[in-house]
């Protein structure tokens, strides 16, 4: 994955599609929590899942992902542990903690309220 200073790369997965959107810090945290809600994953798998489910619109670079994972770990929302990947490589896998599950629910509510507020401003 190419490194740059923004949370997303400038390339899109689909020809003619809009470039990937920048992901804000709180949004990135929510996306990571969502991916980990489906089970443990290592960093690369998290970025791939976000890119896949957003149909290439959101591409998270390592310079944004790993600080977010560290931030979530400090909050106690996720826990990291060393495991082997399917290719037998050693990687740090991240798991959602019980506090993280609660936070994920709270963050979803907060995000939806935020989106409704933005939509209200845009439509008035």
PDB file of N, CA and C in Angstrom:
ATOM      1  N   UNK A   1       0.851  -1.162   0.000  1.00  0.00           N
ATOM      2  CA  UNK A   1       0.000   0.000   0.000  1.00  0.00           C
ATOM      3  C   UNK A   1       0.896   1.223   0.000  1.00  0.00           C
ATOM      4  N   UNK A   2       0.665   2.222  -0.880  1.00  0.00           N
ATOM      5  CA  UNK A   2       1.526   3.387  -0.940  1.00  0.00           C
ATOM      6  C   UNK A   2       1.388   4.241   0.318  1.00  0.00           C
ATOM      7  N   UNK A   3       2.513   4.826   0.720  1.00  0.00           N
ATOM      8  CA  UNK A   3       2.485   5.710   1.884  1.00  0.00           C
ATOM      9  C   UNK A   3       2.309   7.144   1.423  1.00  0.00           C
ATOM     10  N   UNK A   4       1.508   7.901   2.151  1.00  0.00           N
ATOM     11  CA  UNK A   4       1.386   9.335   1.934  1.00  0.00           C
ATOM     12  C   UNK A   4       0.972   9.964   3.250  1.00  0.00           C
ATOM     13  N   UNK A   5       0.763  11.275   3.256  1.00  0.00           N
ATOM     14  CA  UNK A   5       0.465  11.941   4.520  1.00  0.00           C
ATOM     15  C   UNK A   5      -1.014  11.982   4.835  1.00  0.00           C
ATOM     16  N   UNK A   6      -1.876  11.703   3.870  1.00  0.00           N
ATOM     17  CA  UNK A   6      -3.306  11.709   4.150  1.00  0.00           C
ATOM     18  C   UNK A   6      -3.760  10.312   4.530  1.00  0.00           C
ATOM     19  N   UNK A   7      -4.931  10.198   5.202  1.00  0.00           N
ATOM     20  CA  UNK A   7      -5.419   8.885   5.610  1.00  0.00           C
ATOM     21  C   UNK A   7      -5.849   7.997   4.458  1.00  0.00           C
ATOM     22  N   UNK A   8      -5.877   8.511   3.252  1.00  0.00           N
ATOM     23  CA  UNK A   8      -6.279   7.693   2.118  1.00  0.00           C
ATOM     24  C   UNK A   8      -5.265   7.848   1.004  1.00  0.00           C
ATOM     25  N   UNK A   9      -5.257   6.918   0.078  1.00  0.00           N
ATOM     26  CA  UNK A   9      -4.373   7.051  -1.069  1.00  0.00           C
ATOM     27  C   UNK A   9      -5.133   7.735  -2.191  1.00  0.00           C
ATOM     28  N   UNK A  10      -4.434   8.313  -3.166  1.00  0.00           N
ATOM     29  CA  UNK A  10      -5.107   9.074  -4.221  1.00  0.00           C
ATOM     30  C   UNK A  10      -5.685   8.225  -5.333  1.00  0.00           C
ATOM     31  N   UNK A  11      -5.563   6.910  -5.269  1.00  0.00           N
ATOM     32  CA  UNK A  11      -6.027   6.079  -6.360  1.00  0.00           C
ATOM     33  C   UNK A  11      -7.371   5.446  -6.036  1.00  0.00           C
ATOM     34  N   UNK A  12      -8.178   5.229  -7.060  1.00  0.00           N
ATOM     35  CA  UNK A  12      -9.481   4.606  -6.886  1.00  0.00           C
ATOM     36  C   UNK A  12      -9.479   3.221  -7.498  1.00  0.00           C
ATOM     37  N   UNK A  13     -10.277   2.330  -6.931  1.00  0.00           N
ATOM     38  CA  UNK A  13     -10.343   0.953  -7.416  1.00  0.00           C
ATOM     39  C   UNK A  13     -11.124   0.843  -8.718  1.00  0.00           C
ATOM     40  N   UNK A  14     -11.970   1.801  -9.021  1.00  0.00           N
ATOM     41  CA  UNK A  14     -12.796   1.722 -10.216  1.00  0.00           C
ATOM     42  C   UNK A  14     -12.431   2.847 -11.177  1.00  0.00           C
ATOM     43  N   UNK A  15     -12.276   2.513 -12.458  1.00  0.00           N
ATOM     44  CA  UNK A  15     -11.978   3.522 -13.467  1.00  0.00           C
ATOM     45  C   UNK A  15     -13.121   4.511 -13.546  1.00  0.00           C
ATOM     46  N   UNK A  16     -12.811   5.791 -13.580  1.00  0.00           N
ATOM     47  CA  UNK A  16     -13.825   6.818 -13.695  1.00  0.00           C
ATOM     48  C   UNK A  16     -14.509   7.161 -12.388  1.00  0.00           C
ATOM     49  N   UNK A  17     -14.212   6.444 -11.329  1.00  0.00           N
ATOM     50  CA  UNK A  17     -14.835   6.718 -10.031  1.00  0.00           C
ATOM     51  C   UNK A  17     -14.167   7.921  -9.393  1.00  0.00           C
ATOM     52  N   UNK A  18     -14.848   8.498  -8.432  1.00  0.00           N
ATOM     53  CA  UNK A  18     -14.276   9.601  -7.673  1.00  0.00           C
ATOM     54  C   UNK A  18     -13.074   9.100  -6.890  1.00  0.00           C
ATOM     55  N   UNK A  19     -12.101   9.982  -6.612  1.00  0.00           N
ATOM     56  CA  UNK A  19     -10.966   9.540  -5.806  1.00  0.00           C
ATOM     57  C   UNK A  19     -11.426   9.149  -4.406  1.00  0.00           C
ATOM     58  N   UNK A  20     -10.663   8.295  -3.724  1.00  0.00           N
ATOM     59  CA  UNK A  20     -11.042   7.894  -2.364  1.00  0.00           C
ATOM     60  C   UNK A  20     -11.207   9.105  -1.463  1.00  0.00           C
ATOM     61  N   UNK A  21     -12.108   8.989  -0.523  1.00  0.00           N
ATOM     62  CA  UNK A  21     -12.399  10.075   0.386  1.00  0.00           C
ATOM     63  C   UNK A  21     -11.488  10.018   1.605  1.00  0.00           C
ATOM     64  N   UNK A  22     -11.112  11.184   2.103  1.00  0.00           N
ATOM     65  CA  UNK A  22     -10.325  11.241   3.325  1.00  0.00           C
ATOM     66  C   UNK A  22     -11.197  10.797   4.488  1.00  0.00           C
ATOM     67  N   UNK A  23     -10.624   9.988   5.340  1.00  0.00           N
ATOM     68  CA  UNK A  23     -11.354   9.461   6.485  1.00  0.00           C
ATOM     69  C   UNK A  23     -10.908  10.224   7.729  1.00  0.00           C
ATOM     70  N   UNK A  24     -11.845  10.858   8.398  1.00  0.00           N
ATOM     71  CA  UNK A  24     -11.528  11.603   9.613  1.00  0.00           C
ATOM     72  C   UNK A  24     -11.227  10.654  10.755  1.00  0.00           C
ATOM     73  N   UNK A  25     -10.464  11.140  11.737  1.00  0.00           N
ATOM     74  CA  UNK A  25     -10.003  10.305  12.843  1.00  0.00           C
ATOM     75  C   UNK A  25     -11.140   9.544  13.522  1.00  0.00           C
ATOM     76  N   UNK A  26     -12.183  10.208  13.967  1.00  0.00           N
ATOM     77  CA  UNK A  26     -13.288   9.532  14.649  1.00  0.00           C
ATOM     78  C   UNK A  26     -13.992   8.541  13.751  1.00  0.00           C
ATOM     79  N   UNK A  27     -14.068   8.862  12.476  1.00  0.00           N
ATOM     80  CA  UNK A  27     -14.689   7.959  11.518  1.00  0.00           C
ATOM     81  C   UNK A  27     -13.831   6.714  11.336  1.00  0.00           C
ATOM     82  N   UNK A  28     -12.528   6.893  11.269  1.00  0.00           N
ATOM     83  CA  UNK A  28     -11.627   5.759  11.134  1.00  0.00           C
ATOM     84  C   UNK A  28     -11.753   4.830  12.341  1.00  0.00           C
ATOM     85  N   UNK A  29     -11.836   5.407  13.529  1.00  0.00           N
ATOM     86  CA  UNK A  29     -12.020   4.590  14.731  1.00  0.00           C
ATOM     87  C   UNK A  29     -13.294   3.756  14.619  1.00  0.00           C
ATOM     88  N   UNK A  30     -14.372   4.381  14.184  1.00  0.00           N
ATOM     89  CA  UNK A  30     -15.648   3.680  14.039  1.00  0.00           C
ATOM     90  C   UNK A  30     -15.538   2.555  13.005  1.00  0.00           C
ATOM     91  N   UNK A  31     -14.874   2.832  11.883  1.00  0.00           N
ATOM     92  CA  UNK A  31     -14.707   1.808  10.846  1.00  0.00           C
ATOM     93  C   UNK A  31     -13.888   0.628  11.356  1.00  0.00           C
ATOM     94  N   UNK A  32     -12.842   0.901  12.110  1.00  0.00           N
ATOM     95  CA  UNK A  32     -12.024  -0.174  12.675  1.00  0.00           C
ATOM     96  C   UNK A  32     -12.850  -1.005  13.644  1.00  0.00           C
ATOM     97  N   UNK A  33     -13.610  -0.340  14.508  1.00  0.00           N
ATOM     98  CA  UNK A  33     -14.455  -1.073  15.454  1.00  0.00           C
ATOM     99  C   UNK A  33     -15.449  -1.957  14.712  1.00  0.00           C
ATOM    100  N   UNK A  34     -16.002  -1.442  13.626  1.00  0.00           N
ATOM    101  CA  UNK A  34     -16.968  -2.224  12.837  1.00  0.00           C
ATOM    102  C   UNK A  34     -16.309  -3.475  12.262  1.00  0.00           C
ATOM    103  N   UNK A  35     -15.139  -3.310  11.678  1.00  0.00           N
ATOM    104  CA  UNK A  35     -14.442  -4.459  11.091  1.00  0.00           C
ATOM    105  C   UNK A  35     -14.112  -5.488  12.174  1.00  0.00           C
ATOM    106  N   UNK A  36     -13.643  -5.021  13.320  1.00  0.00           N
ATOM    107  CA  UNK A  36     -13.274  -5.955  14.388  1.00  0.00           C
ATOM    108  C   UNK A  36     -14.494  -6.569  15.065  1.00  0.00           C
ATOM    109  N   UNK A  37     -15.662  -5.968  14.881  1.00  0.00           N
ATOM    110  CA  UNK A  37     -16.894  -6.547  15.410  1.00  0.00           C
ATOM    111  C   UNK A  37     -17.196  -7.885  14.735  1.00  0.00           C
ATOM    112  N   UNK A  38     -16.623  -8.101  13.557  1.00  0.00           N
ATOM    113  CA  UNK A  38     -16.836  -9.355  12.833  1.00  0.00           C
ATOM    114  C   UNK A  38     -15.796 -10.413  13.190  1.00  0.00           C
ATOM    115  N   UNK A  39     -14.776 -10.036  13.968  1.00  0.00           N
ATOM    116  CA  UNK A  39     -13.755 -10.992  14.394  1.00  0.00           C
ATOM    117  C   UNK A  39     -12.367 -10.385  14.336  1.00  0.00           C
ATOM    118  N   UNK A  40     -11.394 -11.069  14.939  1.00  0.00           N
ATOM    119  CA  UNK A  40     -10.014 -10.562  14.980  1.00  0.00           C
ATOM    120  C   UNK A  40      -9.412 -10.439  13.584  1.00  0.00           C
ATOM    121  N   UNK A  41      -8.614  -9.409  13.392  1.00  0.00           N
ATOM    122  CA  UNK A  41      -7.906  -9.208  12.115  1.00  0.00           C
ATOM    123  C   UNK A  41      -6.596  -8.492  12.380  1.00  0.00           C
ATOM    124  N   UNK A  42      -5.660  -8.691  11.474  1.00  0.00           N
ATOM    125  CA  UNK A  42      -4.415  -7.931  11.538  1.00  0.00           C
ATOM    126  C   UNK A  42      -4.602  -6.648  10.730  1.00  0.00           C
ATOM    127  N   UNK A  43      -3.647  -5.726  10.862  1.00  0.00           N
ATOM    128  CA  UNK A  43      -3.783  -4.402  10.252  1.00  0.00           C
ATOM    129  C   UNK A  43      -4.095  -4.415   8.773  1.00  0.00           C
ATOM    130  N   UNK A  44      -3.325  -5.177   8.007  1.00  0.00           N
ATOM    131  CA  UNK A  44      -3.553  -5.216   6.556  1.00  0.00           C
ATOM    132  C   UNK A  44      -4.966  -5.709   6.243  1.00  0.00           C
ATOM    133  N   UNK A  45      -5.434  -6.708   6.970  1.00  0.00           N
ATOM    134  CA  UNK A  45      -6.784  -7.243   6.731  1.00  0.00           C
ATOM    135  C   UNK A  45      -7.850  -6.209   7.071  1.00  0.00           C
ATOM    136  N   UNK A  46      -7.591  -5.381   8.068  1.00  0.00           N
ATOM    137  CA  UNK A  46      -8.541  -4.316   8.421  1.00  0.00           C
ATOM    138  C   UNK A  46      -8.660  -3.338   7.254  1.00  0.00           C
ATOM    139  N   UNK A  47      -7.519  -2.893   6.721  1.00  0.00           N
ATOM    140  CA  UNK A  47      -7.559  -1.936   5.607  1.00  0.00           C
ATOM    141  C   UNK A  47      -8.222  -2.546   4.384  1.00  0.00           C
ATOM    142  N   UNK A  48      -7.937  -3.812   4.121  1.00  0.00           N
ATOM    143  CA  UNK A  48      -8.542  -4.480   2.967  1.00  0.00           C
ATOM    144  C   UNK A  48     -10.054  -4.596   3.111  1.00  0.00           C
ATOM    145  N   UNK A  49     -10.516  -4.891   4.308  1.00  0.00           N
ATOM    146  CA  UNK A  49     -11.962  -5.024   4.535  1.00  0.00           C
ATOM    147  C   UNK A  49     -12.667  -3.676   4.351  1.00  0.00           C
ATOM    148  N   UNK A  50     -12.061  -2.621   4.859  1.00  0.00           N
ATOM    149  CA  UNK A  50     -12.652  -1.284   4.688  1.00  0.00           C
ATOM    150  C   UNK A  50     -12.696  -0.920   3.215  1.00  0.00           C
ATOM    151  N   UNK A  51     -11.610  -1.167   2.499  1.00  0.00           N
ATOM    152  CA  UNK A  51     -11.577  -0.860   1.071  1.00  0.00           C
ATOM    153  C   UNK A  51     -12.605  -1.694   0.311  1.00  0.00           C
ATOM    154  N   UNK A  52     -12.679  -2.970   0.643  1.00  0.00           N
ATOM    155  CA  UNK A  52     -13.604  -3.878  -0.045  1.00  0.00           C
ATOM    156  C   UNK A  52     -15.059  -3.465   0.189  1.00  0.00           C
ATOM    157  N   UNK A  53     -15.428  -3.233   1.440  1.00  0.00           N
ATOM    158  CA  UNK A  53     -16.833  -2.930   1.730  1.00  0.00           C
ATOM    159  C   UNK A  53     -17.232  -1.531   1.257  1.00  0.00           C
ATOM    160  N   UNK A  54     -16.258  -0.629   1.094  1.00  0.00           N
ATOM    161  CA  UNK A  54     -16.577   0.705   0.573  1.00  0.00           C
ATOM    162  C   UNK A  54     -16.444   0.755  -0.947  1.00  0.00           C
ATOM    163  N   UNK A  55     -16.232  -0.406  -1.558  1.00  0.00           N
ATOM    164  CA  UNK A  55     -16.062  -0.529  -3.011  1.00  0.00           C
ATOM    165  C   UNK A  55     -14.934   0.361  -3.526  1.00  0.00           C
ATOM    166  N   UNK A  56     -13.855   0.429  -2.741  1.00  0.00           N
ATOM    167  CA  UNK A  56     -12.664   1.159  -3.153  1.00  0.00           C
ATOM    168  C   UNK A  56     -12.693   2.650  -2.874  1.00  0.00           C
ATOM    169  N   UNK A  57     -13.774   3.155  -2.316  1.00  0.00           N
ATOM    170  CA  UNK A  57     -13.862   4.589  -2.045  1.00  0.00           C
ATOM    171  C   UNK A  57     -12.961   4.973  -0.871  1.00  0.00           C
ATOM    172  N   UNK A  58     -12.890   4.128   0.136  1.00  0.00           N
ATOM    173  CA  UNK A  58     -12.073   4.411   1.314  1.00  0.00           C
ATOM    174  C   UNK A  58     -10.838   3.523   1.307  1.00  0.00           C
ATOM    175  N   UNK A  59      -9.681   4.145   1.285  1.00  0.00           N
ATOM    176  CA  UNK A  59      -8.419   3.421   1.356  1.00  0.00           C
ATOM    177  C   UNK A  59      -7.625   4.006   2.515  1.00  0.00           C
ATOM    178  N   UNK A  60      -7.354   3.198   3.490  1.00  0.00           N
ATOM    179  CA  UNK A  60      -6.665   3.647   4.691  1.00  0.00           C
ATOM    180  C   UNK A  60      -5.190   3.294   4.571  1.00  0.00           C
ATOM    181  N   UNK A  61      -4.316   4.283   4.766  1.00  0.00           N
ATOM    182  CA  UNK A  61      -2.889   3.968   4.716  1.00  0.00           C
ATOM    183  C   UNK A  61      -2.369   3.630   6.102  1.00  0.00           C
ATOM    184  N   UNK A  62      -1.211   3.006   6.138  1.00  0.00           N
ATOM    185  CA  UNK A  62      -0.639   2.558   7.400  1.00  0.00           C
ATOM    186  C   UNK A  62      -0.322   3.715   8.334  1.00  0.00           C
ATOM    187  N   UNK A  63       0.006   4.870   7.778  1.00  0.00           N
ATOM    188  CA  UNK A  63       0.308   6.039   8.594  1.00  0.00           C
ATOM    189  C   UNK A  63      -0.886   6.546   9.376  1.00  0.00           C
ATOM    190  N   UNK A  64      -2.081   6.171   8.975  1.00  0.00           N
ATOM    191  CA  UNK A  64      -3.300   6.518   9.714  1.00  0.00           C
ATOM    192  C   UNK A  64      -3.808   5.342  10.528  1.00  0.00           C
ATOM    193  N   UNK A  65      -3.680   4.136   9.957  1.00  0.00           N
ATOM    194  CA  UNK A  65      -4.230   2.957  10.608  1.00  0.00           C
ATOM    195  C   UNK A  65      -3.561   2.654  11.948  1.00  0.00           C
ATOM    196  N   UNK A  66      -2.240   2.575  11.953  1.00  0.00           N
ATOM    197  CA  UNK A  66      -1.562   2.125  13.171  1.00  0.00           C
ATOM    198  C   UNK A  66      -1.683   3.100  14.335  1.00  0.00           C
ATOM    199  N   UNK A  67      -1.632   4.415  14.120  1.00  0.00           N
ATOM    200  CA  UNK A  67      -1.924   5.321  15.244  1.00  0.00           C
ATOM    201  C   UNK A  67      -3.357   5.142  15.761  1.00  0.00           C
ATOM    202  N   UNK A  68      -4.303   4.882  14.862  1.00  0.00           N
ATOM    203  CA  UNK A  68      -5.693   4.653  15.290  1.00  0.00           C
ATOM    204  C   UNK A  68      -5.789   3.374  16.114  1.00  0.00           C
ATOM    205  N   UNK A  69      -5.111   2.317  15.683  1.00  0.00           N
ATOM    206  CA  UNK A  69      -5.123   1.067  16.450  1.00  0.00           C
ATOM    207  C   UNK A  69      -4.506   1.276  17.834  1.00  0.00           C
ATOM    208  N   UNK A  70      -3.419   2.029  17.897  1.00  0.00           N
ATOM    209  CA  UNK A  70      -2.785   2.314  19.195  1.00  0.00           C
ATOM    210  C   UNK A  70      -3.711   3.134  20.084  1.00  0.00           C
ATOM    211  N   UNK A  71      -4.400   4.099  19.494  1.00  0.00           N
ATOM    212  CA  UNK A  71      -5.342   4.937  20.245  1.00  0.00           C
ATOM    213  C   UNK A  71      -6.480   4.079  20.818  1.00  0.00           C
ATOM    214  N   UNK A  72      -7.018   3.191  19.999  1.00  0.00           N
ATOM    215  CA  UNK A  72      -8.113   2.326  20.448  1.00  0.00           C
ATOM    216  C   UNK A  72      -7.635   1.344  21.517  1.00  0.00           C
ATOM    217  N   UNK A  73      -6.393   0.904  21.385  1.00  0.00           N
ATOM    218  CA  UNK A  73      -5.827  -0.003  22.392  1.00  0.00           C
ATOM    219  C   UNK A  73      -5.647   0.726  23.730  1.00  0.00           C
ATOM    220  N   UNK A  74      -5.157   1.968  23.672  1.00  0.00           N
ATOM    221  CA  UNK A  74      -4.999   2.765  24.907  1.00  0.00           C
ATOM    222  C   UNK A  74      -6.337   2.991  25.606  1.00  0.00           C
ATOM    223  N   UNK A  75      -7.390   3.146  24.832  1.00  0.00           N
ATOM    224  CA  UNK A  75      -8.725   3.332  25.414  1.00  0.00           C
ATOM    225  C   UNK A  75      -9.294   2.036  25.992  1.00  0.00           C
ATOM    226  N   UNK A  76      -8.673   0.928  25.660  1.00  0.00           N
ATOM    227  CA  UNK A  76      -9.175  -0.361  26.123  1.00  0.00           C
ATOM    228  C   UNK A  76     -10.291  -0.919  25.259  1.00  0.00           C
ATOM    229  N   UNK A  77     -10.476  -0.364  24.068  1.00  0.00           N
ATOM    230  CA  UNK A  77     -11.548  -0.803  23.180  1.00  0.00           C
ATOM    231  C   UNK A  77     -11.140  -1.998  22.329  1.00  0.00           C
ATOM    232  N   UNK A  78      -9.837  -2.142  22.096  1.00  0.00           N
ATOM    233  CA  UNK A  78      -9.331  -3.294  21.363  1.00  0.00           C
ATOM    234  C   UNK A  78      -8.110  -3.837  22.105  1.00  0.00           C
ATOM    235  N   UNK A  79      -7.755  -5.063  21.772  1.00  0.00           N
ATOM    236  CA  UNK A  79      -6.580  -5.699  22.356  1.00  0.00           C
ATOM    237  C   UNK A  79      -5.801  -6.333  21.215  1.00  0.00           C
ATOM    238  N   UNK A  80      -4.486  -6.179  21.233  1.00  0.00           N
ATOM    239  CA  UNK A  80      -3.643  -6.771  20.204  1.00  0.00           C
ATOM    240  C   UNK A  80      -2.905  -7.979  20.742  1.00  0.00           C
ATOM    241  N   UNK A  81      -2.734  -8.971  19.881  1.00  0.00           N
ATOM    242  CA  UNK A  81      -1.936 -10.147  20.256  1.00  0.00           C
ATOM    243  C   UNK A  81      -1.257 -10.693  19.011  1.00  0.00           C
ATOM    244  N   UNK A  82      -0.080 -11.254  19.210  1.00  0.00           N
ATOM    245  CA  UNK A  82       0.687 -11.809  18.101  1.00  0.00           C
ATOM    246  C   UNK A  82       0.158 -13.191  17.740  1.00  0.00           C
ATOM    247  N   UNK A  83      -0.064 -13.380  16.424  1.00  0.00           N
ATOM    248  CA  UNK A  83      -0.535 -14.654  15.888  1.00  0.00           C
ATOM    249  C   UNK A  83       0.137 -14.881  14.539  1.00  0.00           C
ATOM    250  N   UNK A  84      -0.181 -15.992  13.936  1.00  0.00           N
ATOM    251  CA  UNK A  84       0.297 -16.315  12.586  1.00  0.00           C
ATOM    252  C   UNK A  84      -0.830 -16.096  11.581  1.00  0.00           C
ATOM    253  N   UNK A  85      -0.486 -15.506  10.431  1.00  0.00           N
ATOM    254  CA  UNK A  85      -1.461 -15.309   9.362  1.00  0.00           C
ATOM    255  C   UNK A  85      -1.652 -16.616   8.609  1.00  0.00           C
ATOM    256  N   UNK A  86      -2.545 -16.605   7.639  1.00  0.00           N
ATOM    257  CA  UNK A  86      -2.760 -17.778   6.790  1.00  0.00           C
ATOM    258  C   UNK A  86      -1.501 -18.133   6.005  1.00  0.00           C
ATOM    259  N   UNK A  87      -0.636 -17.139   5.772  1.00  0.00           N
ATOM    260  CA  UNK A  87       0.624 -17.365   5.061  1.00  0.00           C
ATOM    261  C   UNK A  87       1.756 -17.689   6.034  1.00  0.00           C
ATOM    262  N   UNK A  88       1.399 -17.989   7.282  1.00  0.00           N
ATOM    263  CA  UNK A  88       2.341 -18.352   8.345  1.00  0.00           C
ATOM    264  C   UNK A  88       3.306 -17.220   8.705  1.00  0.00           C
ATOM    265  N   UNK A  89       2.870 -15.992   8.511  1.00  0.00           N
ATOM    266  CA  UNK A  89       3.664 -14.838   8.913  1.00  0.00           C
ATOM    267  C   UNK A  89       3.184 -14.359  10.271  1.00  0.00           C
ATOM    268  N   UNK A  90       4.109 -13.882  11.049  1.00  0.00           N
ATOM    269  CA  UNK A  90       3.766 -13.349  12.363  1.00  0.00           C
ATOM    270  C   UNK A  90       3.174 -11.946  12.182  1.00  0.00           C
ATOM    271  N   UNK A  91       2.010 -11.713  12.782  1.00  0.00           N
ATOM    272  CA  UNK A  91       1.343 -10.414  12.662  1.00  0.00           C
ATOM    273  C   UNK A  91       0.574 -10.131  13.948  1.00  0.00           C
ATOM    274  N   UNK A  92       0.354  -8.864  14.202  1.00  0.00           N
ATOM    275  CA  UNK A  92      -0.420  -8.466  15.370  1.00  0.00           C
ATOM    276  C   UNK A  92      -1.892  -8.442  14.979  1.00  0.00           C
ATOM    277  N   UNK A  93      -2.672  -9.275  15.629  1.00  0.00           N
ATOM    278  CA  UNK A  93      -4.112  -9.336  15.394  1.00  0.00           C
ATOM    279  C   UNK A  93      -4.802  -8.505  16.471  1.00  0.00           C
ATOM    280  N   UNK A  94      -5.862  -7.833  16.086  1.00  0.00           N
ATOM    281  CA  UNK A  94      -6.607  -6.978  17.003  1.00  0.00           C
ATOM    282  C   UNK A  94      -7.991  -7.558  17.225  1.00  0.00           C
ATOM    283  N   UNK A  95      -8.421  -7.516  18.481  1.00  0.00           N
ATOM    284  CA  UNK A  95      -9.713  -8.052  18.886  1.00  0.00           C
ATOM    285  C   UNK A  95     -10.485  -6.968  19.621  1.00  0.00           C
ATOM    286  N   UNK A  96     -11.786  -6.967  19.444  1.00  0.00           N
ATOM    287  CA  UNK A  96     -12.663  -6.049  20.165  1.00  0.00           C
ATOM    288  C   UNK A  96     -12.825  -6.538  21.603  1.00  0.00           C
ATOM    289  N   UNK A  97     -12.674  -5.642  22.570  1.00  0.00           N
ATOM    290  CA  UNK A  97     -12.879  -5.995  23.978  1.00  0.00           C
ATOM    291  C   UNK A  97     -14.351  -5.747  24.336  1.00  0.00           C
ATOM    292  N   UNK A  98     -14.800  -6.206  25.501  1.00  0.00           N
ATOM    293  CA  UNK A  98     -16.176  -5.882  25.924  1.00  0.00           C
ATOM    294  C   UNK A  98     -16.416  -4.366  25.981  1.00  0.00           C
ATOM    295  N   UNK A  99     -15.428  -3.600  26.463  1.00  0.00           N
ATOM    296  CA  UNK A  99     -15.565  -2.132  26.450  1.00  0.00           C
ATOM    297  C   UNK A  99     -15.660  -1.614  25.020  1.00  0.00           C
ATOM    298  N   UNK A 100     -14.916  -2.258  24.119  1.00  0.00           N
ATOM    299  CA  UNK A 100     -14.960  -1.873  22.711  1.00  0.00           C
ATOM    300  C   UNK A 100     -16.309  -2.155  22.077  1.00  0.00           C
ATOM    301  N   UNK A 101     -16.928  -3.253  22.469  1.00  0.00           N
ATOM    302  CA  UNK A 101     -18.268  -3.568  21.960  1.00  0.00           C
ATOM    303  C   UNK A 101     -19.268  -2.493  22.382  1.00  0.00           C
ATOM    304  N   UNK A 102     -19.191  -2.085  23.646  1.00  0.00           N
ATOM    305  CA  UNK A 102     -20.083  -1.016  24.131  1.00  0.00           C
ATOM    306  C   UNK A 102     -19.789   0.299  23.408  1.00  0.00           C
ATOM    307  N   UNK A 103     -18.498   0.603  23.274  1.00  0.00           N
ATOM    308  CA  UNK A 103     -18.101   1.841  22.597  1.00  0.00           C
ATOM    309  C   UNK A 103     -18.566   1.835  21.145  1.00  0.00           C
ATOM    310  N   UNK A 104     -18.486   0.690  20.483  1.00  0.00           N
ATOM    311  CA  UNK A 104     -18.934   0.592  19.099  1.00  0.00           C
ATOM    312  C   UNK A 104     -20.411   0.963  18.988  1.00  0.00           C
ATOM    313  N   UNK A 105     -21.224   0.449  19.887  1.00  0.00           N
ATOM    314  CA  UNK A 105     -22.647   0.802  19.893  1.00  0.00           C
ATOM    315  C   UNK A 105     -22.856   2.293  20.110  1.00  0.00           C
ATOM    316  N   UNK A 106     -22.147   2.853  21.092  1.00  0.00           N
ATOM    317  CA  UNK A 106     -22.256   4.291  21.380  1.00  0.00           C
ATOM    318  C   UNK A 106     -21.779   5.132  20.200  1.00  0.00           C
ATOM    319  N   UNK A 107     -20.668   4.718  19.583  1.00  0.00           N
ATOM    320  CA  UNK A 107     -20.102   5.470  18.461  1.00  0.00           C
ATOM    321  C   UNK A 107     -21.032   5.439  17.246  1.00  0.00           C
ATOM    322  N   UNK A 108     -21.714   4.320  17.028  1.00  0.00           N
ATOM    323  CA  UNK A 108     -22.676   4.248  15.921  1.00  0.00           C
ATOM    324  C   UNK A 108     -23.808   5.246  16.119  1.00  0.00           C
ATOM    325  N   UNK A 109     -24.322   5.325  17.342  1.00  0.00           N
ATOM    326  CA  UNK A 109     -25.402   6.270  17.655  1.00  0.00           C
ATOM    327  C   UNK A 109     -24.920   7.696  17.435  1.00  0.00           C
ATOM    328  N   UNK A 110     -23.740   7.990  17.936  1.00  0.00           N
ATOM    329  CA  UNK A 110     -23.168   9.327  17.781  1.00  0.00           C
ATOM    330  C   UNK A 110     -22.950   9.668  16.310  1.00  0.00           C
ATOM    331  N   UNK A 111     -22.426   8.726  15.536  1.00  0.00           N
ATOM    332  CA  UNK A 111     -22.190   8.948  14.115  1.00  0.00           C
ATOM    333  C   UNK A 111     -23.494   9.231  13.372  1.00  0.00           C
ATOM    334  N   UNK A 112     -24.524   8.457  13.645  1.00  0.00           N
ATOM    335  CA  UNK A 112     -25.809   8.667  12.960  1.00  0.00           C
ATOM    336  C   UNK A 112     -26.426  10.023  13.313  1.00  0.00           C
ATOM    337  N   UNK A 113     -26.276  10.425  14.553  1.00  0.00           N
ATOM    338  CA  UNK A 113     -26.764  11.744  14.969  1.00  0.00           C
ATOM    339  C   UNK A 113     -25.996  12.842  14.224  1.00  0.00           C
ATOM    340  N   UNK A 114     -24.701  12.674  14.092  1.00  0.00           N
ATOM    341  CA  UNK A 114     -23.850  13.624  13.379  1.00  0.00           C
ATOM    342  C   UNK A 114     -24.261  13.716  11.905  1.00  0.00           C
ATOM    343  N   UNK A 115     -24.460  12.576  11.265  1.00  0.00           N
ATOM    344  CA  UNK A 115     -24.861  12.546   9.858  1.00  0.00           C
ATOM    345  C   UNK A 115     -26.212  13.223   9.664  1.00  0.00           C
ATOM    346  N   UNK A 116     -27.149  12.981  10.578  1.00  0.00           N
ATOM    347  CA  UNK A 116     -28.461  13.635  10.491  1.00  0.00           C
ATOM    348  C   UNK A 116     -28.329  15.147  10.624  1.00  0.00           C
ATOM    349  N   UNK A 117     -27.443  15.606  11.484  1.00  0.00           N
ATOM    350  CA  UNK A 117     -27.243  17.045  11.657  1.00  0.00           C
ATOM    351  C   UNK A 117     -26.647  17.659  10.392  1.00  0.00           C
ATOM    352  N   UNK A 118     -25.675  16.994   9.804  1.00  0.00           N
ATOM    353  CA  UNK A 118     -25.090  17.491   8.545  1.00  0.00           C
ATOM    354  C   UNK A 118     -26.131  17.517   7.445  1.00  0.00           C
ATOM    355  N   UNK A 119     -26.908  16.446   7.361  1.00  0.00           N
ATOM    356  CA  UNK A 119     -27.958  16.381   6.337  1.00  0.00           C
ATOM    357  C   UNK A 119     -28.972  17.496   6.534  1.00  0.00           C
ATOM    358  N   UNK A 120     -29.337  17.800   7.769  1.00  0.00           N
ATOM    359  CA  UNK A 120     -30.270  18.889   8.042  1.00  0.00           C
ATOM    360  C   UNK A 120     -29.718  20.221   7.547  1.00  0.00           C
ATOM    361  N   UNK A 121     -28.443  20.462   7.762  1.00  0.00           N
ATOM    362  CA  UNK A 121     -27.825  21.709   7.300  1.00  0.00           C
ATOM    363  C   UNK A 121     -27.795  21.759   5.778  1.00  0.00           C
ATOM    364  N   UNK A 122     -27.451  20.638   5.141  1.00  0.00           N
ATOM    365  CA  UNK A 122     -27.365  20.612   3.683  1.00  0.00           C
ATOM    366  C   UNK A 122     -28.707  20.761   2.982  1.00  0.00           C
ATOM    367  N   UNK A 123     -29.771  20.356   3.636  1.00  0.00           N
ATOM    368  CA  UNK A 123     -31.087  20.391   2.984  1.00  0.00           C
ATOM    369  C   UNK A 123     -31.904  21.623   3.345  1.00  0.00           C
ATOM    370  N   UNK A 124     -31.365  22.509   4.155  1.00  0.00           N
ATOM    371  CA  UNK A 124     -32.125  23.724   4.485  1.00  0.00           C
ATOM    372  C   UNK A 124     -31.600  24.916   3.731  1.00  0.00           C
TER     373      UNK A 124
END
